Amino acid sequence: MDAQVVVVGSINADLRITVERHPRPGETLLGGDGSVTPGGKGANQALAACRAGVRVAMIGAVGRDPNAHAALSLLDGSGTDLSGVDAVDGPTGVAVVMVADSGENEIVVVPGANATVSAEAVEGHRDLVEAASVVLCQGETPVDGIARASRLCEQAGGRFILNPAPVIELPAEVVRRADPLVVNEHEGALVGEMLGVGVDTGELEEDPARCIELLRAQGCRSVVMTLGSKGALVATDAGVAAIEAIRVEAVDTVGAGDAFTGALAARLAEGRDLDEACRYATRFAALTVGRVGAQESYPTLEEVASL
């Protein structure tokens, strides 16, 4: 059965370390617990969409190493179609995640096999892309692969969602195909700079509403800006709407943005409007920050419905 959401993106094994606080430059700290768990922004978003109740397929790559099993462990049992995940020579992508007692995190990513998710690799799975209602990409795989996925999606009449995290140098036409472009304040400011809005990046980051209005003025079809505990802003032809946050005590914020984006994609694939999809995604993501971990913290449909 064709997937409703196809995620083209990264698959990692996350080395997760807990620390009392993040180290200062040059400082060595003793960590607490350490574990290897599945991660990668693409895989995280795919699992979130699947947990949100739609059919999902993943296009990506893992290495021929022991980390591949860890990286795919939760996706493999979720019902996600993994026929688009290639096994390539070399290591699986790895992310080193440090989580402080405050819940804030710092992450360093080593791409590994994710660097092979090129235009050629995406073309090899074009049947998945062309059949999808929604195609979702991030910023942890090569630019040409993202561009190819966006083009195939557009030609097939699907909806392309772009979450440029991290922000990489993308062609302007790829950014403008996004409907929506999903960013936080920092990412939105960097994308604005990339599109040449002519306003200082720091100023854009300090004024999220102005930032998304300028992104829209540069041709972005719609923009969703996540604001953490302040909720989100949604910019469409109808104007800018605020989505209120769900108040929870943060334990671990790793993967919360991916949870939001995957859940958003799921609701859009079902034909919900953008405001409604964002309200659902906000509830979905709120449940994840009260739990430890990324993918393992993602809720079920029933849990979201009870919030």
Protein backbone atom coordinates (compact mmCIF):
# COMPACT_ATOMS: atom_id res chain seq x y z
CA MET A 1 0.00 0.00 0.00
CA ASP A 2 1.38 3.45 -0.93
CA ALA A 3 2.69 5.55 1.94
CA GLN A 4 0.89 8.79 2.77
CA VAL A 5 4.12 10.36 4.08
CA VAL A 6 7.56 9.69 2.62
CA VAL A 7 10.52 10.96 4.62
CA VAL A 8 13.80 11.49 2.77
CA GLY A 9 16.39 11.99 5.44
CA SER A 10 18.98 10.92 7.95
CA ILE A 11 19.19 7.77 10.05
CA ASN A 12 21.59 7.77 13.01
CA ALA A 13 22.63 5.84 16.04
CA ASP A 14 22.59 8.37 18.90
CA LEU A 15 25.21 8.17 21.64
CA ARG A 16 23.30 9.85 24.47
CA ILE A 17 25.16 11.18 27.50
CA THR A 18 23.62 12.93 30.50
CA VAL A 19 25.52 15.78 32.17
CA GLU A 20 24.76 18.11 35.06
CA ARG A 21 25.44 21.05 32.76
CA HIS A 22 27.07 21.58 29.38
CA PRO A 23 30.87 21.98 29.46
CA ARG A 24 32.55 25.29 28.80
CA PRO A 25 35.15 25.50 25.99
CA GLY A 26 38.19 23.44 26.99
CA GLU A 27 36.47 21.96 30.04
CA THR A 28 36.18 18.23 30.84
CA LEU A 29 33.14 17.00 32.78
CA LEU A 30 32.14 13.61 34.12
CA GLY A 31 28.92 12.39 32.52
CA GLY A 32 26.11 10.36 33.97
CA ASP A 33 24.28 7.68 32.02
CA GLY A 34 25.31 6.74 28.49
CA SER A 35 23.32 4.78 25.92
CA VAL A 36 23.02 4.12 22.18
CA THR A 37 19.53 4.76 20.81
CA PRO A 38 17.95 5.26 17.35
CA GLY A 39 17.98 8.80 15.98
CA GLY A 40 18.61 11.03 12.98
CA LYS A 41 16.17 13.79 12.08
CA GLY A 42 14.74 11.84 9.17
CA ALA A 43 14.16 8.65 11.14
CA ASN A 44 12.77 10.63 14.08
CA GLN A 45 10.24 12.39 11.87
CA ALA A 46 9.29 9.15 10.12
CA LEU A 47 8.56 7.43 13.43
CA ALA A 48 6.60 10.44 14.70
CA ALA A 49 4.43 10.42 11.57
CA CYS A 50 3.90 6.69 11.93
CA ARG A 51 2.96 7.03 15.63
CA ALA A 52 0.53 9.76 14.56
CA GLY A 53 -1.36 7.15 12.60
CA VAL A 54 -0.51 7.38 8.89
CA ARG A 55 1.32 5.10 6.46
CA VAL A 56 4.99 6.08 6.24
CA ALA A 57 7.97 5.15 4.07
CA MET A 58 11.59 6.07 4.76
CA ILE A 59 14.23 6.83 2.13
CA GLY A 60 17.75 6.93 3.54
CA ALA A 61 20.88 4.86 4.15
CA VAL A 62 22.71 2.98 6.88
CA GLY A 63 26.16 1.43 6.90
CA ARG A 64 27.14 -2.22 7.07
CA ASP A 65 28.05 -2.03 10.74
CA PRO A 66 26.52 -2.90 14.14
CA ASN A 67 25.14 0.63 14.55
CA ALA A 68 22.72 0.03 11.65
CA HIS A 69 20.61 -2.28 13.81
CA ALA A 70 20.48 0.24 16.66
CA ALA A 71 19.61 3.06 14.25
CA LEU A 72 16.65 1.18 12.74
CA SER A 73 15.45 -0.66 15.84
CA LEU A 74 12.25 1.33 16.50
CA LEU A 75 11.42 2.12 12.87
CA ASP A 76 11.75 -1.57 12.02
CA GLY A 77 9.02 -2.52 14.45
CA SER A 78 6.73 0.42 13.74
CA GLY A 79 5.25 -0.63 10.43
CA THR A 80 7.24 1.98 8.51
CA ASP A 81 8.15 0.86 4.98
CA LEU A 82 11.95 0.56 4.96
CA SER A 83 12.31 -0.62 1.35
CA GLY A 84 13.84 2.78 0.53
CA VAL A 85 16.63 2.42 3.11
CA ASP A 86 19.85 1.36 1.39
CA ALA A 87 22.72 -0.48 3.10
CA VAL A 88 26.01 1.05 1.91
CA ASP A 89 29.70 0.48 2.58
CA GLY A 90 31.00 2.53 5.50
CA PRO A 91 29.59 3.51 8.88
CA THR A 92 26.04 4.36 9.88
CA GLY A 93 25.54 8.00 10.84
CA VAL A 94 26.23 8.80 14.49
CA ALA A 95 25.09 11.67 16.71
CA VAL A 96 26.66 12.49 20.07
CA VAL A 97 23.91 13.98 22.26
CA MET A 98 24.64 15.67 25.58
CA VAL A 99 21.56 16.30 27.72
CA ALA A 100 21.91 18.60 30.75
CA ASP A 101 19.82 18.32 33.92
CA SER A 102 17.88 21.37 32.68
CA GLY A 103 16.63 19.33 29.71
CA GLU A 104 18.58 21.36 27.16
CA ASN A 105 20.76 19.46 24.70
CA GLU A 106 23.84 19.86 22.51
CA ILE A 107 24.34 17.59 19.50
CA VAL A 108 27.25 16.80 17.17
CA VAL A 109 26.42 14.73 14.07
CA VAL A 110 28.78 12.58 11.98
CA PRO A 111 26.89 11.91 8.69
CA GLY A 112 28.35 8.53 7.71
CA ALA A 113 25.96 6.73 5.35
CA ASN A 114 23.62 9.73 5.31
CA ALA A 115 26.08 11.45 2.96
CA THR A 116 25.06 8.94 0.25
CA VAL A 117 21.38 10.02 0.13
CA SER A 118 22.03 11.85 -3.12
CA ALA A 119 19.86 12.71 -6.12
CA GLU A 120 20.81 9.33 -7.60
CA ALA A 121 19.72 7.51 -4.45
CA VAL A 122 16.40 9.38 -4.34
CA GLU A 123 15.84 8.68 -8.04
CA GLY A 124 16.28 4.99 -7.26
CA HIS A 125 13.18 5.19 -5.06
CA ARG A 126 11.17 7.67 -7.10
CA ASP A 127 8.13 5.38 -7.06
CA LEU A 128 7.80 5.97 -3.31
CA VAL A 129 8.17 9.75 -3.68
CA GLU A 130 5.71 10.08 -6.56
CA ALA A 131 3.01 8.08 -4.78
CA ALA A 132 3.16 10.06 -1.52
CA SER A 133 0.68 12.68 -0.38
CA VAL A 134 3.46 14.42 1.57
CA VAL A 135 7.24 14.33 1.12
CA LEU A 136 9.32 15.55 4.05
CA CYS A 137 13.02 16.52 4.03
CA GLN A 138 15.46 18.00 6.58
CA GLY A 139 19.04 19.32 6.39
CA GLU A 140 21.13 16.27 7.35
CA THR A 141 21.44 14.76 3.84
CA PRO A 142 22.99 16.05 0.59
CA VAL A 143 21.48 19.09 -1.10
CA ASP A 144 21.05 17.39 -4.48
CA GLY A 145 18.99 14.61 -2.90
CA ILE A 146 16.71 17.11 -1.17
CA ALA A 147 16.34 19.06 -4.42
CA ARG A 148 15.48 15.92 -6.38
CA ALA A 149 12.89 14.82 -3.82
CA SER A 150 11.25 18.25 -3.90
CA ARG A 151 11.13 18.28 -7.68
CA LEU A 152 9.68 14.76 -7.97
CA CYS A 153 7.08 15.63 -5.33
CA GLU A 154 6.06 18.80 -7.16
CA GLN A 155 5.79 17.01 -10.51
CA ALA A 156 3.61 14.31 -8.96
CA GLY A 157 1.28 16.84 -7.30
CA GLY A 158 2.30 16.00 -3.73
CA ARG A 159 2.93 18.38 -0.83
CA PHE A 160 6.57 19.10 0.02
CA ILE A 161 7.55 19.94 3.59
CA LEU A 162 11.05 21.22 4.34
CA ASN A 163 12.59 21.39 7.80
CA PRO A 164 16.06 22.88 7.12
CA ALA A 165 17.69 21.65 10.31
CA PRO A 166 20.54 22.17 10.28
CA VAL A 167 20.35 25.04 7.81
CA ILE A 168 22.39 24.21 4.72
CA GLU A 169 22.86 26.16 1.50
CA LEU A 170 19.80 25.17 -0.53
CA PRO A 171 18.67 26.53 -3.90
CA ALA A 172 16.00 29.18 -3.41
CA GLU A 173 13.54 27.28 -5.60
CA VAL A 174 13.73 24.27 -3.24
CA VAL A 175 12.93 26.46 -0.22
CA ARG A 176 10.04 28.07 -2.11
CA ARG A 177 8.52 24.68 -2.95
CA ALA A 178 8.01 24.00 0.75
CA ASP A 179 4.43 24.12 1.96
CA PRO A 180 5.18 24.60 4.78
CA LEU A 181 8.75 25.57 5.53
CA VAL A 182 9.21 24.48 9.18
CA VAL A 183 11.86 26.37 11.19
CA ASN A 184 12.66 27.62 14.66
CA GLU A 185 13.67 31.24 15.28
CA HIS A 186 17.37 30.67 14.56
CA GLU A 187 16.76 28.56 11.47
CA GLY A 188 14.21 31.04 10.15
CA ALA A 189 16.71 33.88 10.44
CA LEU A 190 19.39 31.88 8.62
CA VAL A 191 17.00 30.91 5.83
CA GLY A 192 15.98 34.57 5.55
CA GLU A 193 19.63 35.52 5.15
CA MET A 194 20.05 32.79 2.52
CA LEU A 195 17.07 34.14 0.56
CA GLY A 196 18.44 37.67 0.77
CA VAL A 197 15.77 39.46 2.78
CA GLY A 198 18.27 42.25 3.50
CA VAL A 199 17.77 42.30 7.28
CA ASP A 200 20.37 41.45 9.93
CA THR A 201 20.15 37.80 11.09
CA GLY A 202 20.18 38.76 14.76
CA GLU A 203 17.29 41.18 14.23
CA LEU A 204 15.26 38.50 12.45
CA GLU A 205 15.87 36.00 15.24
CA GLU A 206 14.65 38.52 17.81
CA ASP A 207 11.41 39.20 15.92
CA PRO A 208 9.87 35.87 14.79
CA ALA A 209 6.68 37.40 13.38
CA ARG A 210 8.63 39.79 11.16
CA CYS A 211 10.95 36.97 10.13
CA ILE A 212 8.17 34.75 8.83
CA GLU A 213 6.46 37.66 7.11
CA LEU A 214 9.72 38.39 5.28
CA LEU A 215 10.12 34.72 4.37
CA ARG A 216 6.62 34.79 2.89
CA ALA A 217 7.51 37.95 0.99
CA GLN A 218 10.47 36.07 -0.51
CA GLY A 219 8.09 33.51 -2.02
CA CYS A 220 7.72 30.86 0.70
CA ARG A 221 4.25 29.34 0.26
CA SER A 222 3.66 28.89 3.99
CA VAL A 223 5.87 29.00 7.08
CA VAL A 224 5.61 27.34 10.48
CA MET A 225 7.95 28.73 13.13
CA THR A 226 8.29 26.72 16.33
CA LEU A 227 8.96 28.78 19.45
CA GLY A 228 9.50 26.13 22.12
CA SER A 229 7.53 26.89 25.26
CA LYS A 230 5.91 29.85 23.47
CA GLY A 231 4.14 27.65 20.93
CA ALA A 232 4.35 28.32 17.20
CA LEU A 233 3.49 30.83 14.50
CA VAL A 234 1.81 29.88 11.23
CA ALA A 235 2.04 32.14 8.17
CA THR A 236 -0.19 31.58 5.14
CA ASP A 237 -2.08 33.71 2.62
CA ALA A 238 -4.58 34.37 5.43
CA GLY A 239 -1.92 36.04 7.60
CA VAL A 240 0.00 35.00 10.72
CA ALA A 241 -1.69 32.92 13.42
CA ALA A 242 -0.32 32.00 16.86
CA ILE A 243 -0.57 28.42 18.12
CA GLU A 244 -0.53 28.21 21.91
CA ALA A 245 1.95 25.86 23.59
CA ILE A 246 0.93 23.01 25.90
CA ARG A 247 2.52 23.62 29.30
CA VAL A 248 4.66 20.69 30.49
CA GLU A 249 7.74 20.24 32.65
CA ALA A 250 10.70 19.63 30.32
CA VAL A 251 12.84 16.60 31.12
CA ASP A 252 14.55 16.06 27.76
CA THR A 253 14.05 18.19 24.63
CA VAL A 254 16.00 15.88 22.27
CA GLY A 255 13.84 15.05 19.25
CA ALA A 256 10.94 17.33 20.22
CA GLY A 257 11.23 19.44 17.05
CA ASP A 258 11.27 16.27 14.94
CA ALA A 259 8.23 14.97 16.83
CA PHE A 260 6.40 18.19 15.95
CA THR A 261 7.36 18.06 12.27
CA GLY A 262 6.52 14.37 11.81
CA ALA A 263 3.13 14.77 13.49
CA LEU A 264 2.46 17.88 11.40
CA ALA A 265 3.21 15.94 8.21
CA ALA A 266 0.85 13.16 9.28
CA ARG A 267 -2.11 15.48 9.76
CA LEU A 268 -1.41 17.37 6.51
CA ALA A 269 -1.28 14.04 4.66
CA GLU A 270 -4.83 13.43 5.90
CA GLY A 271 -5.97 16.75 4.44
CA ARG A 272 -6.18 18.81 7.64
CA ASP A 273 -5.55 22.55 7.34
CA LEU A 274 -2.22 23.93 8.52
CA ASP A 275 -3.50 25.55 11.73
CA GLU A 276 -5.24 22.35 12.83
CA ALA A 277 -2.20 20.25 11.94
CA CYS A 278 0.03 22.55 14.00
CA ARG A 279 -2.26 22.35 17.02
CA TYR A 280 -2.07 18.56 16.88
CA ALA A 281 1.72 18.63 16.40
CA THR A 282 2.07 20.91 19.43
CA ARG A 283 0.23 18.38 21.61
CA PHE A 284 2.27 15.50 20.19
CA ALA A 285 5.60 17.26 20.83
CA ALA A 286 4.57 18.37 24.34
CA LEU A 287 4.31 14.76 25.46
CA THR A 288 7.85 13.99 24.26
CA VAL A 289 9.66 16.62 26.34
CA GLY A 290 8.33 15.14 29.57
CA ARG A 291 10.09 11.85 28.79
CA VAL A 292 13.71 10.81 28.31
CA GLY A 293 15.03 10.18 24.81
CA ALA A 294 14.03 11.00 21.25
CA GLN A 295 12.18 8.25 19.37
CA GLU A 296 11.47 6.26 22.52
CA SER A 297 9.60 9.28 23.95
CA TYR A 298 7.13 9.58 21.05
CA PRO A 299 3.50 9.06 22.12
CA THR A 300 0.73 6.93 20.69
CA LEU A 301 -2.47 8.24 19.10
CA GLU A 302 -4.34 7.41 22.28
CA GLU A 303 -1.91 9.35 24.48
CA VAL A 304 -2.19 12.46 22.33
CA ALA A 305 -5.97 12.21 22.30
CA SER A 306 -6.05 12.13 26.11
CA LEU A 307 -3.92 15.29 26.53
